[in-house]
Amino acid sequence: MFGARRRIHPEDLVLYVKSGCHLCDEARARLAAAGLEVREVDVLTSIALFERYRHRVPVLADVSGRTWIEGRFDDAALRRLLRRMSPQPNP
């Protein structure tokens, strides 16, 4: 369908984090409070990931590489993401 927004599935989301990051801890807590379980990847495990995300973590991205939220996870950004995840009403 032309112009349709792609659905987001929790299993397609990756949370990029690094140890000692208080914003990462906040992001985990907000995602958990929203009932979302996502795969986590520590950017310190890969030079390429570290170079890409070191100043941006936490980053919630999908498997295609699209960034949905980065840095401080605010309520508005999380609500937008959750709307994209909820089932579409039937016409």
C-alpha atoms as a PDB file:
ATOM      1  CA  MET A   1       0.000   0.000   0.000  1.00  0.00           C
ATOM      2  CA  PHE A   2       1.433   3.352  -1.019  1.00  0.00           C
ATOM      3  CA  GLY A   3       2.275   5.574   1.930  1.00  0.00           C
ATOM      4  CA  ALA A   4       1.669   2.843   4.502  1.00  0.00           C
ATOM      5  CA  ARG A   5       3.848   3.065   7.567  1.00  0.00           C
ATOM      6  CA  ARG A   6       5.939   0.012   8.262  1.00  0.00           C
ATOM      7  CA  ARG A   7       4.976  -1.880  11.394  1.00  0.00           C
ATOM      8  CA  ILE A   8       7.624  -2.295  14.073  1.00  0.00           C
ATOM      9  CA  HIS A   9       7.976  -5.566  15.949  1.00  0.00           C
ATOM     10  CA  PRO A  10       9.845  -5.796  19.272  1.00  0.00           C
ATOM     11  CA  GLU A  11      12.030  -8.615  17.956  1.00  0.00           C
ATOM     12  CA  ASP A  12      13.282  -6.215  15.268  1.00  0.00           C
ATOM     13  CA  LEU A  13      14.561  -3.678  17.812  1.00  0.00           C
ATOM     14  CA  VAL A  14      18.090  -3.420  19.198  1.00  0.00           C
ATOM     15  CA  LEU A  15      19.134  -1.264  22.137  1.00  0.00           C
ATOM     16  CA  TYR A  16      22.760  -0.158  21.809  1.00  0.00           C
ATOM     17  CA  VAL A  17      24.264   0.556  25.235  1.00  0.00           C
ATOM     18  CA  LYS A  18      27.563   0.755  27.052  1.00  0.00           C
ATOM     19  CA  SER A  19      28.398  -0.092  30.645  1.00  0.00           C
ATOM     20  CA  GLY A  20      28.338   2.734  33.143  1.00  0.00           C
ATOM     21  CA  CYS A  21      25.862   4.746  31.046  1.00  0.00           C
ATOM     22  CA  HIS A  22      23.127   6.223  33.248  1.00  0.00           C
ATOM     23  CA  LEU A  23      21.026   7.126  30.201  1.00  0.00           C
ATOM     24  CA  CYS A  24      21.212   3.470  29.147  1.00  0.00           C
ATOM     25  CA  ASP A  25      19.875   2.460  32.570  1.00  0.00           C
ATOM     26  CA  GLU A  26      17.015   4.953  32.165  1.00  0.00           C
ATOM     27  CA  ALA A  27      16.253   3.635  28.666  1.00  0.00           C
ATOM     28  CA  ARG A  28      16.110   0.047  29.968  1.00  0.00           C
ATOM     29  CA  ALA A  29      13.722   1.108  32.727  1.00  0.00           C
ATOM     30  CA  ARG A  30      11.432   3.018  30.336  1.00  0.00           C
ATOM     31  CA  LEU A  31      11.335   0.133  27.865  1.00  0.00           C
ATOM     32  CA  ALA A  32      10.589  -2.334  30.674  1.00  0.00           C
ATOM     33  CA  ALA A  33       7.829  -0.080  32.038  1.00  0.00           C
ATOM     34  CA  ALA A  34       6.316  -0.036  28.540  1.00  0.00           C
ATOM     35  CA  GLY A  35       6.451  -3.839  28.477  1.00  0.00           C
ATOM     36  CA  LEU A  36       9.082  -4.002  25.734  1.00  0.00           C
ATOM     37  CA  GLU A  37      11.821  -6.581  25.771  1.00  0.00           C
ATOM     38  CA  VAL A  38      14.472  -5.822  23.178  1.00  0.00           C
ATOM     39  CA  ARG A  39      17.849  -7.259  22.355  1.00  0.00           C
ATOM     40  CA  GLU A  40      20.756  -5.311  23.846  1.00  0.00           C
ATOM     41  CA  VAL A  41      24.161  -4.867  22.281  1.00  0.00           C
ATOM     42  CA  ASP A  42      27.086  -3.363  24.199  1.00  0.00           C
ATOM     43  CA  VAL A  43      28.933  -1.030  21.832  1.00  0.00           C
ATOM     44  CA  LEU A  44      32.169  -1.779  23.686  1.00  0.00           C
ATOM     45  CA  THR A  45      32.206  -5.263  22.118  1.00  0.00           C
ATOM     46  CA  SER A  46      33.008  -3.936  18.637  1.00  0.00           C
ATOM     47  CA  ILE A  47      35.255  -1.163  17.398  1.00  0.00           C
ATOM     48  CA  ALA A  48      32.814  -0.410  14.578  1.00  0.00           C
ATOM     49  CA  LEU A  49      29.846  -0.149  16.958  1.00  0.00           C
ATOM     50  CA  PHE A  50      31.849   1.941  19.390  1.00  0.00           C
ATOM     51  CA  GLU A  51      32.848   4.369  16.636  1.00  0.00           C
ATOM     52  CA  ARG A  52      29.257   4.602  15.411  1.00  0.00           C
ATOM     53  CA  TYR A  53      27.431   4.933  18.727  1.00  0.00           C
ATOM     54  CA  ARG A  54      29.869   6.025  21.446  1.00  0.00           C
ATOM     55  CA  HIS A  55      28.486   9.572  21.786  1.00  0.00           C
ATOM     56  CA  ARG A  56      24.888   8.620  21.034  1.00  0.00           C
ATOM     57  CA  VAL A  57      24.017   5.786  23.443  1.00  0.00           C
ATOM     58  CA  PRO A  58      21.523   4.652  24.306  1.00  0.00           C
ATOM     59  CA  VAL A  59      20.256   4.085  20.776  1.00  0.00           C
ATOM     60  CA  LEU A  60      17.148   2.123  19.947  1.00  0.00           C
ATOM     61  CA  ALA A  61      17.314   1.039  16.326  1.00  0.00           C
ATOM     62  CA  ASP A  62      15.661  -1.570  14.184  1.00  0.00           C
ATOM     63  CA  VAL A  63      17.424  -4.330  12.314  1.00  0.00           C
ATOM     64  CA  SER A  64      17.433  -2.250   9.127  1.00  0.00           C
ATOM     65  CA  GLY A  65      19.551   0.358  10.934  1.00  0.00           C
ATOM     66  CA  ARG A  66      16.865   3.007  11.377  1.00  0.00           C
ATOM     67  CA  THR A  67      17.286   4.893  14.651  1.00  0.00           C
ATOM     68  CA  TRP A  68      14.044   5.367  16.558  1.00  0.00           C
ATOM     69  CA  ILE A  69      15.303   6.935  19.789  1.00  0.00           C
ATOM     70  CA  GLU A  70      18.748   8.021  20.921  1.00  0.00           C
ATOM     71  CA  GLY A  71      20.146   9.704  23.979  1.00  0.00           C
ATOM     72  CA  ARG A  72      17.540  10.475  26.608  1.00  0.00           C
ATOM     73  CA  PHE A  73      14.397   8.412  26.035  1.00  0.00           C
ATOM     74  CA  ASP A  74      11.557  10.875  26.496  1.00  0.00           C
ATOM     75  CA  ASP A  75       7.887   9.957  26.837  1.00  0.00           C
ATOM     76  CA  ALA A  76       6.887  11.477  23.485  1.00  0.00           C
ATOM     77  CA  ALA A  77       9.463   9.474  21.534  1.00  0.00           C
ATOM     78  CA  LEU A  78       8.461   6.277  23.293  1.00  0.00           C
ATOM     79  CA  ARG A  79       4.752   6.934  22.613  1.00  0.00           C
ATOM     80  CA  ARG A  80       5.511   7.445  18.890  1.00  0.00           C
ATOM     81  CA  LEU A  81       7.346   4.147  18.815  1.00  0.00           C
ATOM     82  CA  LEU A  82       4.552   2.325  20.649  1.00  0.00           C
ATOM     83  CA  ARG A  83       1.972   3.707  18.197  1.00  0.00           C
ATOM     84  CA  ARG A  84       4.019   2.227  15.356  1.00  0.00           C
ATOM     85  CA  MET A  85       3.982  -1.107  17.155  1.00  0.00           C
ATOM     86  CA  SER A  86       0.267  -1.296  17.923  1.00  0.00           C
ATOM     87  CA  PRO A  87      -1.973  -3.150  15.494  1.00  0.00           C
ATOM     88  CA  GLN A  88      -3.705  -1.044  12.861  1.00  0.00           C
ATOM     89  CA  PRO A  89      -7.500  -0.859  13.155  1.00  0.00           C
ATOM     90  CA  ASN A  90      -9.367  -2.660  10.379  1.00  0.00           C
ATOM     91  CA  PRO A  91     -11.078  -0.293   7.896  1.00  0.00           C
END
